Amino acid sequence: MATPSAAFEALMNGVTSWDVPEDAVPCELLLIGEASFPVMVNDMGQVLIAASSYGRGRLVVVSHEDYLVEAQLTP
């Protein structure tokens, strides 16, 4: 299993910036567990995108469904 730091580096490989939808009102994600880590945090310190490992797999959670349809967030 990769460390959260290594998993973050793999997720960010090739990503230089994100343009998230401004009209979406995201919820704040609460991270629990040693394997969870923030991927995107807003200027107020709220986690908007998070990731973790689960068993032998990995998962990414977004705080608003509109983030899933943005082409810029696909990578």
Protein backbone atom coordinates (compact mmCIF):
# COMPACT_ATOMS: atom_id res chain seq x y z
CA MET A 1 0.00 0.00 0.00
CA ALA A 2 1.34 3.43 -0.93
CA THR A 3 1.76 6.12 1.68
CA PRO A 4 -0.64 9.08 1.53
CA SER A 5 2.27 11.22 0.36
CA ALA A 6 3.06 8.86 -2.53
CA ALA A 7 -0.63 8.57 -3.44
CA PHE A 8 -0.94 12.38 -3.47
CA GLU A 9 2.09 12.67 -5.75
CA ALA A 10 0.58 10.10 -8.13
CA LEU A 11 -2.74 11.98 -8.21
CA MET A 12 -1.05 15.31 -8.89
CA ASN A 13 1.25 13.99 -11.63
CA GLY A 14 0.80 16.37 -14.57
CA VAL A 15 -1.81 18.57 -12.83
CA THR A 16 -0.73 22.21 -12.74
CA SER A 17 -4.01 23.91 -11.84
CA TRP A 18 -7.74 23.31 -11.41
CA ASP A 19 -10.60 25.51 -12.46
CA VAL A 20 -13.51 24.37 -10.28
CA PRO A 21 -17.06 25.53 -11.00
CA GLU A 22 -17.78 28.75 -9.12
CA ASP A 23 -21.54 28.22 -8.98
CA ALA A 24 -21.23 24.92 -7.09
CA VAL A 25 -21.65 25.20 -3.31
CA PRO A 26 -19.54 22.33 -1.96
CA CYS A 27 -19.84 20.68 1.40
CA GLU A 28 -16.82 20.32 3.66
CA LEU A 29 -15.29 16.85 3.83
CA LEU A 30 -14.25 15.43 7.19
CA LEU A 31 -11.21 13.17 6.93
CA ILE A 32 -10.97 10.15 9.20
CA GLY A 33 -8.48 7.31 9.19
CA GLU A 34 -4.74 7.26 8.75
CA ALA A 35 -4.92 6.60 5.01
CA SER A 36 -7.12 9.62 4.15
CA PHE A 37 -5.61 12.90 2.98
CA PRO A 38 -6.76 16.19 1.45
CA VAL A 39 -6.24 16.71 -2.26
CA MET A 40 -7.81 20.17 -2.58
CA VAL A 41 -8.36 22.66 0.24
CA ASN A 42 -10.01 26.07 -0.16
CA ASP A 43 -8.67 29.32 1.24
CA MET A 44 -10.65 28.76 4.46
CA GLY A 45 -8.94 25.41 5.09
CA GLN A 46 -11.99 23.32 4.16
CA VAL A 47 -11.29 20.05 2.34
CA LEU A 48 -13.06 19.99 -1.04
CA ILE A 49 -11.44 16.89 -2.56
CA ALA A 50 -9.99 14.01 -0.56
CA ALA A 51 -8.51 10.60 -1.23
CA SER A 52 -7.77 7.42 0.66
CA SER A 53 -6.98 3.77 0.23
CA TYR A 54 -9.56 1.12 0.98
CA GLY A 55 -8.43 -2.46 1.14
CA ARG A 56 -6.31 -2.98 -1.97
CA GLY A 57 -7.96 -0.09 -3.85
CA ARG A 58 -8.02 3.68 -3.78
CA LEU A 59 -10.81 6.23 -3.82
CA VAL A 60 -11.28 9.94 -4.41
CA VAL A 61 -14.18 11.89 -2.93
CA VAL A 62 -15.40 15.27 -4.21
CA SER A 63 -17.53 17.66 -2.20
CA HIS A 64 -19.92 18.55 -5.05
CA GLU A 65 -21.20 16.47 -7.95
CA ASP A 66 -20.57 19.30 -10.44
CA TYR A 67 -16.84 18.66 -10.02
CA LEU A 68 -17.36 15.28 -11.74
CA VAL A 69 -18.41 16.79 -15.07
CA GLU A 70 -15.58 19.32 -15.37
CA ALA A 71 -13.11 18.31 -18.06
CA GLN A 72 -10.31 20.13 -16.22
CA LEU A 73 -10.70 17.76 -13.25
CA THR A 74 -10.59 14.57 -15.34
CA PRO A 75 -6.85 13.91 -14.90
